[in-house]
């Protein structure tokens, strides 16, 4: 199930990234030719006015998309929402990310328990991946992990498998 949700997230990001790349780099006719034949993306008219010639691609055939965003990142949330709307992604769910303070509180209060050999620290300015072989992770990495668990849990509770 987790692999399926992760595959959905990767597919959505790939769809979004390619669309943004081609929107910037390719003329509109090429966009229609490239994305028009895709089983996931198809051209559709935007708005109620049938005389409007602006088209946008639609990702309506994609499964639910869960995306993670910190509450403090309001500008990024607005950008993501507008991008998904412009792509025609309707079934999308924002997950409020855990921040470092929430992760610290949850781990210290035993609401979240990692493997006993894993330890967390505040960071020392060095790249954190150097300490991963010793099972040492930063509080930021713990917050990231908890945010992804939260997204998976919400998808599971909503019956998305």
Protein backbone atom coordinates (compact mmCIF):
# COMPACT_ATOMS: atom_id res chain seq x y z
CA UNK A 1 0.00 0.00 0.00
CA UNK A 2 2.79 2.42 0.92
CA UNK A 3 4.54 1.71 -2.39
CA UNK A 4 1.30 2.47 -4.21
CA UNK A 5 0.85 5.82 -2.48
CA UNK A 6 4.49 6.73 -3.08
CA UNK A 7 4.11 5.78 -6.75
CA UNK A 8 1.08 8.08 -6.98
CA UNK A 9 3.05 10.96 -5.43
CA UNK A 10 5.99 10.38 -7.79
CA UNK A 11 3.67 10.18 -10.81
CA UNK A 12 1.95 13.40 -9.79
CA UNK A 13 5.23 15.20 -9.32
CA UNK A 14 6.48 13.93 -12.68
CA UNK A 15 3.25 15.07 -14.36
CA UNK A 16 3.53 18.48 -12.71
CA UNK A 17 7.26 18.91 -13.45
CA UNK A 18 6.98 17.89 -17.10
CA UNK A 19 3.96 20.11 -17.63
CA UNK A 20 5.75 23.11 -16.10
CA UNK A 21 8.90 22.37 -18.15
CA UNK A 22 7.04 22.05 -21.43
CA UNK A 23 4.82 25.02 -20.64
CA UNK A 24 7.92 27.17 -20.34
CA UNK A 25 9.97 25.58 -23.12
CA UNK A 26 7.48 24.46 -25.78
CA UNK A 27 4.87 26.29 -27.87
CA UNK A 28 1.20 25.57 -27.15
CA UNK A 29 0.80 23.38 -30.26
CA UNK A 30 3.59 21.12 -29.07
CA UNK A 31 1.96 20.85 -25.64
CA UNK A 32 -1.26 19.62 -27.20
CA UNK A 33 0.65 17.15 -29.37
CA UNK A 34 2.76 15.86 -26.46
CA UNK A 35 0.13 15.71 -23.73
CA UNK A 36 -2.99 15.27 -25.85
CA UNK A 37 -2.39 11.56 -26.46
CA UNK A 38 -1.51 10.73 -22.85
CA UNK A 39 -4.02 8.54 -20.99
CA UNK A 40 -3.55 10.78 -17.93
CA UNK A 41 -3.61 14.18 -19.59
CA UNK A 42 -6.06 15.45 -22.14
CA UNK A 43 -6.95 18.87 -23.47
CA UNK A 44 -10.04 20.56 -22.19
CA UNK A 45 -11.53 24.02 -22.53
CA UNK A 46 -11.20 26.29 -19.52
CA UNK A 47 -14.18 28.30 -18.27
CA UNK A 48 -17.83 28.41 -19.24
CA UNK A 49 -17.36 30.51 -22.37
CA UNK A 50 -17.11 28.16 -25.37
CA UNK A 51 -15.49 30.85 -27.50
CA UNK A 52 -12.43 30.82 -25.24
CA UNK A 53 -9.49 29.24 -27.02
CA UNK A 54 -7.24 28.77 -23.98
CA UNK A 55 -6.73 25.12 -23.19
CA UNK A 56 -5.18 23.43 -20.22
CA UNK A 57 -4.27 19.83 -19.53
CA UNK A 58 -6.32 17.75 -17.16
CA UNK A 59 -5.03 15.22 -14.66
CA UNK A 60 -8.52 14.07 -13.73
CA UNK A 61 -7.61 10.44 -14.41
CA UNK A 62 -4.92 10.46 -11.72
CA UNK A 63 -5.67 8.92 -8.34
CA UNK A 64 -5.86 11.12 -5.25
CA UNK A 65 -2.84 13.33 -4.69
CA UNK A 66 -1.64 14.01 -1.16
CA UNK A 67 0.86 16.82 -0.77
CA UNK A 68 2.68 17.96 2.34
CA UNK A 69 3.13 21.61 3.28
CA UNK A 70 4.20 23.46 6.43
CA UNK A 71 1.53 25.82 7.80
CA UNK A 72 4.13 28.61 7.80
CA UNK A 73 4.72 28.22 4.03
CA UNK A 74 1.60 30.07 2.87
CA UNK A 75 3.13 31.26 -0.40
CA UNK A 76 4.15 27.72 -1.38
CA UNK A 77 0.66 26.47 -0.48
CA UNK A 78 -0.90 29.11 -2.74
CA UNK A 79 1.49 28.21 -5.56
CA UNK A 80 0.76 24.48 -5.23
CA UNK A 81 -3.00 25.03 -5.14
CA UNK A 82 -2.93 27.25 -8.23
CA UNK A 83 -0.66 24.81 -10.08
CA UNK A 84 -2.95 21.87 -9.36
CA UNK A 85 -6.01 23.84 -10.38
CA UNK A 86 -4.34 24.87 -13.65
CA UNK A 87 -3.52 21.21 -14.36
CA UNK A 88 -7.10 20.18 -13.65
CA UNK A 89 -6.19 18.15 -10.55
CA UNK A 90 -9.36 18.01 -8.53
CA UNK A 91 -8.79 15.14 -6.09
CA UNK A 92 -5.93 16.59 -4.07
CA UNK A 93 -5.40 16.80 -0.33
CA UNK A 94 -3.02 19.08 1.56
CA UNK A 95 -1.37 17.52 4.60
CA UNK A 96 -0.17 19.94 7.27
CA UNK A 97 3.48 19.05 7.81
CA UNK A 98 4.96 18.48 11.25
CA UNK A 99 7.57 21.03 12.20
CA UNK A 100 10.69 20.40 14.28
CA UNK A 101 9.05 21.53 17.51
CA UNK A 102 6.10 19.14 17.03
CA UNK A 103 8.47 16.26 16.22
CA UNK A 104 10.56 16.95 19.30
CA UNK A 105 7.46 17.06 21.51
CA UNK A 106 6.01 13.85 20.06
CA UNK A 107 9.25 11.90 20.40
CA UNK A 108 10.05 13.16 23.92
CA UNK A 109 6.49 12.42 25.12
CA UNK A 110 6.65 8.92 23.55
CA UNK A 111 3.67 9.65 21.23
CA UNK A 112 5.99 8.60 18.43
CA UNK A 113 8.54 5.90 19.02
CA UNK A 114 11.36 5.20 16.63
CA UNK A 115 13.51 2.09 16.71
CA UNK A 116 15.49 2.01 20.01
CA UNK A 117 18.82 2.28 18.15
CA UNK A 118 17.79 5.49 16.36
CA UNK A 119 18.72 8.76 18.01
CA UNK A 120 17.85 12.33 17.08
CA UNK A 121 19.85 15.54 17.50
CA UNK A 122 19.49 19.22 16.69
CA UNK A 123 22.18 19.29 14.03
CA UNK A 124 25.75 20.55 14.14
CA UNK A 125 26.20 22.22 10.78
CA UNK A 126 27.61 19.09 9.17
CA UNK A 127 25.69 17.15 6.48
CA UNK A 128 23.31 14.89 8.40
CA UNK A 129 23.62 11.97 5.97
CA UNK A 130 27.14 11.37 7.31
CA UNK A 131 25.60 10.23 10.61
CA UNK A 132 22.95 7.97 9.08
CA UNK A 133 25.15 4.84 9.18
CA UNK A 134 25.20 5.25 12.97
CA UNK A 135 21.38 5.65 13.01
CA UNK A 136 21.60 9.30 14.03
CA UNK A 137 19.10 11.71 12.47
CA UNK A 138 18.20 15.40 12.89
CA UNK A 139 14.94 16.67 14.33
CA UNK A 140 14.14 18.08 10.87
CA UNK A 141 14.42 14.58 9.39
CA UNK A 142 12.15 13.26 12.16
CA UNK A 143 9.59 15.96 11.32
CA UNK A 144 9.78 15.04 7.63
CA UNK A 145 9.27 11.35 8.45
CA UNK A 146 6.28 12.13 10.67
CA UNK A 147 4.74 14.30 7.96
CA UNK A 148 4.95 11.43 5.47
CA UNK A 149 3.48 9.00 8.02
CA UNK A 150 0.65 11.48 8.54
CA UNK A 151 -0.05 11.59 4.78
CA UNK A 152 -0.01 7.80 4.50
CA UNK A 153 -2.30 7.47 7.54
CA UNK A 154 -4.81 9.96 6.11
CA UNK A 155 -4.83 8.21 2.73
CA UNK A 156 -5.36 4.85 4.43
CA UNK A 157 -8.19 6.18 6.62
CA UNK A 158 -9.88 7.58 3.50
CA UNK A 159 -9.71 4.16 1.82
CA UNK A 160 -7.03 5.06 -0.75
CA UNK A 161 -4.98 1.95 -1.33
